[in-house]
Amino acid sequence: YHRALDGIEEDSKDEQIGTTGNGIGPAYEDKAARRGIRIGDLLDADVLDDRLERLVPQKRAVCESVYDVDPDAFDGAFDVDELLAEYRSYGERLAANDMPVSCGAFLEAHRERGDRILFEGAQGTAIDLDHGNYPYVTSSNPTAGGAATGTGLGPTVVGSGAIVGVVKAYLSRVGAGPLPTEIGFVEGQTPAGGGDPDRGDLAEHIREAGGEYGTVTGRPRRIAWLDMPMLRHAARASGFTGLAINHVDTLAGIDEIQVGHAYDLDGETLTTMPATTERWSECEPRYRTFDGWSDADWDAVAREGYDALPANARTYVEYVGDELGVPIAAIGVGPDREQTIVLDDPF
């Protein structure tokens, strides 16, 4: 029922957030309200049945009374018996394979053995629930601090290792909300008066070269120049110790590359994001322009290393690292793992 409610709620909004429709928001609502169903609940059919008997009528009432939608139109999504049968089987599979564990204790045991642990954040800082451009955000914390709350290892443990920020050489996003350095325009996502419709061809070129379509939805992503105030905010929120810059090859062949170096807001210069989304939507980017670089044999560049990068590309990535005050750990010059120039391996 979380997926069904996600779509129902999104369709009811005048200005849509751009949810993937996977039910993430409604699931987090239940978690925050202390009524969510947890993995451990799937292991006991009686407990699961009790949870569903209490929750499903609530969800049906929301559909009918709030949204005037028939819950029976969703193929069993709001049927206690069907849900119990399906999710009890998941619990049986989990138990049979001895999969449920106490996450923090499990990871700590590996850490004490000297095993290396990699935490990978999804999405990005600008859609972090607490540090992003609310309400155009996800329901979790993809910043580095989320590795502590999400795993049960303490912040002194999580923060004791390297924290590598991963960024594209440009910017993209799916969904609504401000995007000051946006190139082009995406119908239904770019706010009224936003973007730069005159540069739609350039945006489309980058979108196609970079494969910029939503992983889940398939929607075209909005394209923007790299936004340094946003990136400075991300570096501060997560405490970057290094930076990996991907899609350097995607920008090849463009004569001039622009970067939003700062914002102008009410006559003031801002070098980081303002406190509210409303103020962020009023920011005008102040650009710096870099000479572009030609296409190259990127496999050869990856093999030969940093010095094989086109000179203008080196100038570009060095600017980004210098602005953040962190070393460049890696540079991506293609979609394959081997098409990466590793300058500083945290392991």
Protein backbone atom coordinates (compact mmCIF):
# COMPACT_ATOMS: atom_id res chain seq x y z
CA TYR A 1 0.00 0.00 0.00
CA HIS A 2 2.93 2.39 0.35
CA ARG A 3 3.46 2.44 -3.42
CA ALA A 4 -0.23 3.01 -4.07
CA LEU A 5 -0.39 5.85 -1.56
CA ASP A 6 2.77 7.40 -3.00
CA GLY A 7 1.15 7.71 -6.42
CA ILE A 8 -2.18 8.89 -5.00
CA GLU A 9 -0.54 11.61 -2.92
CA GLU A 10 1.70 12.78 -5.76
CA ASP A 11 -1.23 13.03 -8.17
CA SER A 12 -3.16 15.15 -5.68
CA LYS A 13 -0.51 17.89 -5.45
CA ASP A 14 -0.66 21.12 -7.43
CA GLU A 15 3.15 21.11 -7.68
CA GLN A 16 4.58 17.60 -7.74
CA ILE A 17 7.78 16.71 -5.91
CA GLY A 18 8.88 14.18 -8.53
CA THR A 19 8.67 11.00 -6.45
CA THR A 20 9.74 7.72 -8.02
CA GLY A 21 6.47 6.13 -6.92
CA ASN A 22 8.21 3.37 -4.97
CA GLY A 23 6.47 4.20 -1.71
CA ILE A 24 9.51 5.58 0.08
CA GLY A 25 7.78 8.66 1.49
CA PRO A 26 4.73 6.84 2.90
CA ALA A 27 7.01 4.15 4.39
CA TYR A 28 9.05 6.82 6.18
CA GLU A 29 5.84 8.47 7.37
CA ASP A 30 4.92 5.21 9.08
CA LYS A 31 8.40 4.92 10.56
CA ALA A 32 8.27 8.44 12.02
CA ALA A 33 4.78 7.79 13.40
CA ARG A 34 6.07 4.58 15.04
CA ARG A 35 3.62 2.39 13.17
CA GLY A 36 5.91 0.95 10.51
CA ILE A 37 6.36 -2.75 9.83
CA ARG A 38 9.98 -3.80 10.34
CA ILE A 39 11.96 -6.74 9.00
CA GLY A 40 11.69 -8.50 12.35
CA ASP A 41 7.90 -8.37 12.14
CA LEU A 42 7.99 -10.55 9.03
CA LEU A 43 9.53 -13.41 11.01
CA ASP A 44 6.45 -13.94 13.19
CA ALA A 45 3.17 -14.48 11.33
CA ASP A 46 1.07 -13.57 14.38
CA VAL A 47 2.91 -10.29 14.90
CA LEU A 48 2.68 -9.48 11.20
CA ASP A 49 -1.04 -10.26 11.14
CA ASP A 50 -1.60 -8.00 14.15
CA ARG A 51 0.28 -5.14 12.49
CA LEU A 52 -1.63 -5.48 9.23
CA GLU A 53 -5.03 -5.76 10.92
CA ARG A 54 -4.30 -2.44 12.59
CA LEU A 55 -2.64 -0.62 9.70
CA VAL A 56 -4.57 -1.61 6.58
CA PRO A 57 -7.92 -0.15 7.74
CA GLN A 58 -6.11 3.13 8.41
CA LYS A 59 -4.68 3.16 4.90
CA ARG A 60 -8.04 2.30 3.35
CA ALA A 61 -9.63 5.16 5.27
CA VAL A 62 -7.01 7.58 3.95
CA CYS A 63 -7.73 6.49 0.38
CA GLU A 64 -11.49 6.79 0.74
CA SER A 65 -11.92 9.78 3.05
CA VAL A 66 -8.96 11.99 2.14
CA TYR A 67 -8.38 11.27 -1.55
CA ASP A 68 -11.77 9.84 -2.60
CA VAL A 69 -10.02 6.84 -4.17
CA ASP A 70 -11.23 3.23 -4.11
CA PRO A 71 -8.51 1.13 -2.38
CA ASP A 72 -9.83 -2.05 -4.00
CA ALA A 73 -8.65 -0.75 -7.37
CA PHE A 74 -5.02 -1.54 -6.47
CA ASP A 75 -4.79 -5.35 -6.90
CA GLY A 76 -4.70 -6.39 -3.27
CA ALA A 77 -2.46 -3.58 -2.02
CA PHE A 78 -5.01 -2.88 0.73
CA ASP A 79 -6.09 -6.48 1.42
CA VAL A 80 -4.92 -7.92 4.76
CA ASP A 81 -5.07 -11.57 3.69
CA GLU A 82 -3.11 -11.04 0.47
CA LEU A 83 -0.49 -8.91 2.21
CA LEU A 84 -0.11 -11.41 5.03
CA ALA A 85 0.42 -14.32 2.64
CA GLU A 86 2.96 -12.46 0.53
CA TYR A 87 5.02 -10.92 3.31
CA ARG A 88 4.92 -13.98 5.55
CA SER A 89 6.62 -15.86 2.70
CA TYR A 90 9.35 -13.20 2.62
CA GLY A 91 9.87 -13.66 6.34
CA GLU A 92 10.18 -17.42 5.92
CA ARG A 93 12.84 -16.96 3.23
CA LEU A 94 14.76 -14.50 5.40
CA ALA A 95 14.69 -16.86 8.38
CA ALA A 96 15.64 -19.90 6.30
CA ASN A 97 18.76 -18.11 5.09
CA ASP A 98 19.61 -16.69 8.54
CA MET A 99 19.60 -13.18 7.08
CA PRO A 100 18.13 -10.93 9.81
CA VAL A 101 20.88 -9.52 12.04
CA SER A 102 21.48 -6.64 14.42
CA CYS A 103 23.15 -4.36 11.88
CA GLY A 104 25.42 -2.43 14.24
CA ALA A 105 26.67 -5.56 16.01
CA PHE A 106 27.18 -7.35 12.69
CA LEU A 107 29.30 -4.52 11.28
CA GLU A 108 31.24 -4.02 14.50
CA ALA A 109 32.23 -7.69 14.50
CA HIS A 110 33.66 -7.28 11.00
CA ARG A 111 35.42 -4.07 12.00
CA GLU A 112 37.06 -5.76 14.99
CA ARG A 113 38.35 -8.46 12.64
CA GLY A 114 40.04 -5.76 10.60
CA ASP A 115 37.67 -5.99 7.64
CA ARG A 116 37.27 -2.90 5.48
CA ILE A 117 33.79 -1.41 5.35
CA LEU A 118 32.47 0.82 2.56
CA PHE A 119 29.33 2.89 3.09
CA GLU A 120 27.78 4.12 -0.14
CA GLY A 121 25.35 7.01 -0.02
CA ALA A 122 22.58 7.26 -2.60
CA GLN A 123 21.07 10.36 -4.21
CA GLY A 124 22.68 13.59 -2.97
CA THR A 125 22.94 16.35 -0.39
CA ALA A 126 20.49 18.69 -2.11
CA ILE A 127 17.68 16.19 -1.53
CA ASP A 128 18.70 15.24 2.02
CA LEU A 129 15.66 15.42 4.28
CA ASP A 130 17.38 17.78 6.74
CA HIS A 131 20.05 19.51 4.65
CA GLY A 132 18.43 19.65 1.20
CA ASN A 133 16.05 22.06 -0.54
CA TYR A 134 12.95 21.07 1.43
CA PRO A 135 10.27 20.02 0.45
CA TYR A 136 11.89 18.85 -2.82
CA VAL A 137 13.77 16.14 -0.96
CA THR A 138 13.86 12.43 -0.29
CA SER A 139 12.79 10.95 3.04
CA SER A 140 16.21 9.94 4.35
CA ASN A 141 19.71 11.28 4.94
CA PRO A 142 22.09 10.52 2.05
CA THR A 143 24.76 12.72 3.67
CA ALA A 144 27.68 11.02 5.44
CA GLY A 145 25.95 11.29 8.82
CA GLY A 146 23.28 8.93 7.55
CA ALA A 147 25.85 6.13 7.60
CA ALA A 148 25.87 6.30 11.40
CA THR A 149 22.12 6.50 11.96
CA GLY A 150 21.45 3.96 9.23
CA THR A 151 23.84 1.27 10.43
CA GLY A 152 24.19 1.52 14.19
CA LEU A 153 27.90 2.31 14.12
CA GLY A 154 28.75 5.51 15.96
CA PRO A 155 29.79 8.78 14.30
CA THR A 156 33.32 8.44 15.67
CA VAL A 157 33.60 5.14 13.80
CA VAL A 158 32.02 6.35 10.58
CA GLY A 159 33.99 9.60 10.68
CA SER A 160 37.32 7.89 11.31
CA GLY A 161 37.69 6.88 7.67
CA ALA A 162 37.80 8.73 4.37
CA ILE A 163 34.66 10.53 3.19
CA VAL A 164 34.79 10.83 -0.59
CA GLY A 165 32.22 13.11 -2.19
CA VAL A 166 31.08 11.95 -5.63
CA VAL A 167 30.01 14.60 -8.13
CA LYS A 168 29.44 14.87 -11.84
CA ALA A 169 31.35 17.43 -13.88
CA TYR A 170 27.96 19.06 -14.41
CA LEU A 171 24.68 18.80 -12.48
CA SER A 172 21.48 16.86 -13.01
CA ARG A 173 18.32 16.07 -11.11
CA VAL A 174 14.86 14.57 -11.57
CA GLY A 175 11.84 16.37 -10.21
CA ALA A 176 10.72 19.85 -9.29
CA GLY A 177 12.45 22.50 -7.22
CA PRO A 178 14.94 25.33 -7.79
CA LEU A 179 18.06 24.67 -9.86
CA PRO A 180 19.81 28.03 -10.37
CA THR A 181 22.34 26.92 -13.01
CA GLU A 182 19.87 24.89 -15.09
CA ILE A 183 20.44 24.67 -18.84
CA GLY A 184 17.38 24.16 -20.99
CA PHE A 185 13.95 23.26 -19.65
CA VAL A 186 12.09 20.04 -18.79
CA GLU A 187 8.31 20.25 -19.04
CA GLY A 188 6.63 19.44 -15.74
CA GLN A 189 9.86 19.67 -13.74
CA THR A 190 11.50 23.06 -14.32
CA PRO A 191 9.66 25.74 -12.29
CA ALA A 192 7.93 28.57 -14.14
CA GLY A 193 10.51 31.15 -15.14
CA GLY A 194 13.39 28.78 -14.41
CA GLY A 195 15.96 27.16 -16.63
CA ASP A 196 17.33 28.53 -19.88
CA PRO A 197 15.07 27.42 -22.75
CA ASP A 198 17.40 28.98 -25.33
CA ARG A 199 20.04 26.39 -24.47
CA GLY A 200 17.80 23.38 -24.82
CA ASP A 201 19.99 21.84 -27.53
CA LEU A 202 23.03 21.94 -25.25
CA ALA A 203 21.05 20.38 -22.40
CA GLU A 204 19.83 17.63 -24.72
CA HIS A 205 23.39 16.97 -25.92
CA ILE A 206 24.63 16.52 -22.34
CA ARG A 207 21.56 14.46 -21.40
CA GLU A 208 22.12 12.02 -24.25
CA ALA A 209 25.90 11.85 -23.83
CA GLY A 210 25.57 11.24 -20.10
CA GLY A 211 22.54 8.95 -20.17
CA GLU A 212 20.65 11.37 -17.95
CA TYR A 213 17.32 9.65 -17.48
CA GLY A 214 15.78 8.61 -14.18
CA THR A 215 16.90 5.13 -13.09
CA VAL A 216 13.44 4.20 -11.82
CA THR A 217 11.10 6.49 -13.74
CA GLY A 218 12.96 6.88 -17.04
CA ARG A 219 12.12 10.58 -16.99
CA PRO A 220 14.61 12.99 -18.57
CA ARG A 221 16.78 14.60 -15.93
CA ARG A 222 17.16 18.34 -15.71
CA ILE A 223 20.66 19.45 -16.72
CA ALA A 224 22.67 22.26 -15.15
CA TRP A 225 26.18 23.59 -14.94
CA LEU A 226 28.13 22.58 -11.86
CA ASP A 227 26.91 24.65 -8.90
CA MET A 228 29.75 25.47 -6.50
CA PRO A 229 27.57 26.97 -3.72
CA MET A 230 25.62 23.71 -3.69
CA LEU A 231 28.84 21.68 -3.75
CA ARG A 232 30.38 23.71 -0.92
CA HIS A 233 27.24 23.04 1.11
CA ALA A 234 27.56 19.31 0.38
CA ALA A 235 31.24 19.26 1.33
CA ARG A 236 30.50 20.94 4.65
CA ALA A 237 27.48 18.77 5.47
CA SER A 238 29.38 15.52 4.93
CA GLY A 239 32.94 16.61 5.72
CA PHE A 240 34.57 15.55 2.47
CA THR A 241 38.17 14.37 2.73
CA GLY A 242 38.37 13.78 -1.01
CA LEU A 243 36.41 14.25 -4.20
CA ALA A 244 35.59 11.96 -7.13
CA ILE A 245 34.55 13.82 -10.30
CA ASN A 246 32.70 11.75 -12.89
CA HIS A 247 31.43 12.38 -16.44
CA VAL A 248 34.44 14.45 -17.49
CA ASP A 249 34.15 12.70 -20.86
CA THR A 250 30.49 13.73 -21.19
CA LEU A 251 31.44 17.40 -21.49
CA ALA A 252 34.01 16.75 -24.24
CA GLY A 253 33.41 18.71 -27.42
CA ILE A 254 31.68 21.68 -25.77
CA ASP A 255 33.53 24.91 -26.57
CA GLU A 256 32.95 26.63 -23.23
CA ILE A 257 32.13 25.09 -19.86
CA GLN A 258 30.47 27.29 -17.27
CA VAL A 259 30.43 26.85 -13.50
CA GLY A 260 28.14 28.63 -11.07
CA HIS A 261 30.88 30.04 -8.83
CA ALA A 262 28.63 32.06 -6.51
CA TYR A 263 25.11 33.48 -6.19
CA ASP A 264 23.82 37.03 -6.27
CA LEU A 265 20.92 37.57 -3.86
CA ASP A 266 19.53 41.01 -3.02
CA GLY A 267 22.83 42.67 -3.87
CA GLU A 268 24.90 40.25 -1.80
CA THR A 269 27.31 37.57 -2.99
CA LEU A 270 26.71 34.11 -1.53
CA THR A 271 29.23 31.31 -1.79
CA THR A 272 26.93 28.66 -0.31
CA MET A 273 23.22 27.83 -0.38
CA PRO A 274 20.89 30.15 1.57
CA ALA A 275 18.89 28.83 4.51
CA THR A 276 15.53 28.38 2.78
CA THR A 277 14.37 26.96 -0.52
CA GLU A 278 12.37 30.11 -1.19
CA ARG A 279 15.52 32.24 -0.96
CA TRP A 280 17.46 29.73 -3.05
CA SER A 281 14.89 30.07 -5.82
CA GLU A 282 15.68 33.82 -5.92
CA CYS A 283 19.43 33.34 -6.36
CA GLU A 284 21.08 34.36 -9.62
CA PRO A 285 24.24 32.41 -10.46
CA ARG A 286 27.52 34.19 -11.02
CA TYR A 287 29.44 32.15 -13.56
CA ARG A 288 33.04 31.39 -14.31
CA THR A 289 33.82 30.19 -17.81
CA PHE A 290 36.40 27.56 -18.73
CA ASP A 291 37.68 26.53 -22.13
CA GLY A 292 36.31 23.15 -23.16
CA TRP A 293 38.24 20.08 -24.18
CA SER A 294 38.15 17.76 -27.16
CA ASP A 295 36.99 14.18 -27.19
CA ALA A 296 39.71 11.62 -26.54
CA ASP A 297 40.46 7.94 -26.37
CA TRP A 298 39.16 7.73 -22.82
CA ASP A 299 40.26 4.12 -22.33
CA ALA A 300 43.81 5.21 -23.06
CA VAL A 301 43.45 8.24 -20.78
CA ALA A 302 42.29 6.00 -17.93
CA ARG A 303 45.24 3.65 -18.46
CA GLU A 304 47.84 6.39 -18.70
CA GLY A 305 46.58 8.44 -15.77
CA TYR A 306 46.04 12.03 -14.80
CA ASP A 307 48.65 13.61 -17.07
CA ALA A 308 46.87 12.10 -20.10
CA LEU A 309 43.74 14.16 -19.40
CA PRO A 310 43.25 17.09 -21.78
CA ALA A 311 44.91 20.16 -20.27
CA ASN A 312 41.65 22.12 -20.06
CA ALA A 313 39.97 19.23 -18.25
CA ARG A 314 42.80 19.22 -15.70
CA THR A 315 42.32 22.95 -15.17
CA TYR A 316 38.62 22.39 -14.61
CA VAL A 317 38.89 19.59 -12.04
CA GLU A 318 41.71 21.37 -10.21
CA TYR A 319 39.51 24.44 -9.85
CA VAL A 320 36.78 22.34 -8.24
CA GLY A 321 39.17 20.68 -5.80
CA ASP A 322 40.83 23.98 -4.89
CA GLU A 323 37.48 25.65 -4.21
CA LEU A 324 36.51 22.88 -1.79
CA GLY A 325 39.96 22.57 -0.27
CA VAL A 326 40.01 18.79 -0.72
CA PRO A 327 42.18 16.57 -2.94
CA ILE A 328 40.81 14.91 -6.05
CA ALA A 329 40.59 11.19 -5.27
CA ALA A 330 39.33 9.95 -8.63
CA ILE A 331 38.21 11.14 -12.06
CA GLY A 332 35.68 9.25 -14.14
CA VAL A 333 36.17 9.36 -17.91
CA GLY A 334 33.58 6.76 -18.90
CA PRO A 335 30.81 4.53 -17.55
CA ASP A 336 32.96 1.45 -16.91
CA ARG A 337 34.85 0.77 -13.70
CA GLU A 338 38.11 0.64 -15.63
CA GLN A 339 37.51 4.12 -17.03
CA THR A 340 38.51 5.76 -13.77
CA ILE A 341 41.71 7.59 -12.92
CA VAL A 342 42.41 6.84 -9.26
CA LEU A 343 44.63 9.44 -7.61
CA ASP A 344 44.04 8.61 -3.95
CA ASP A 345 42.64 5.20 -2.99
CA PRO A 346 41.13 5.47 0.53
CA PHE A 347 41.73 1.75 1.06
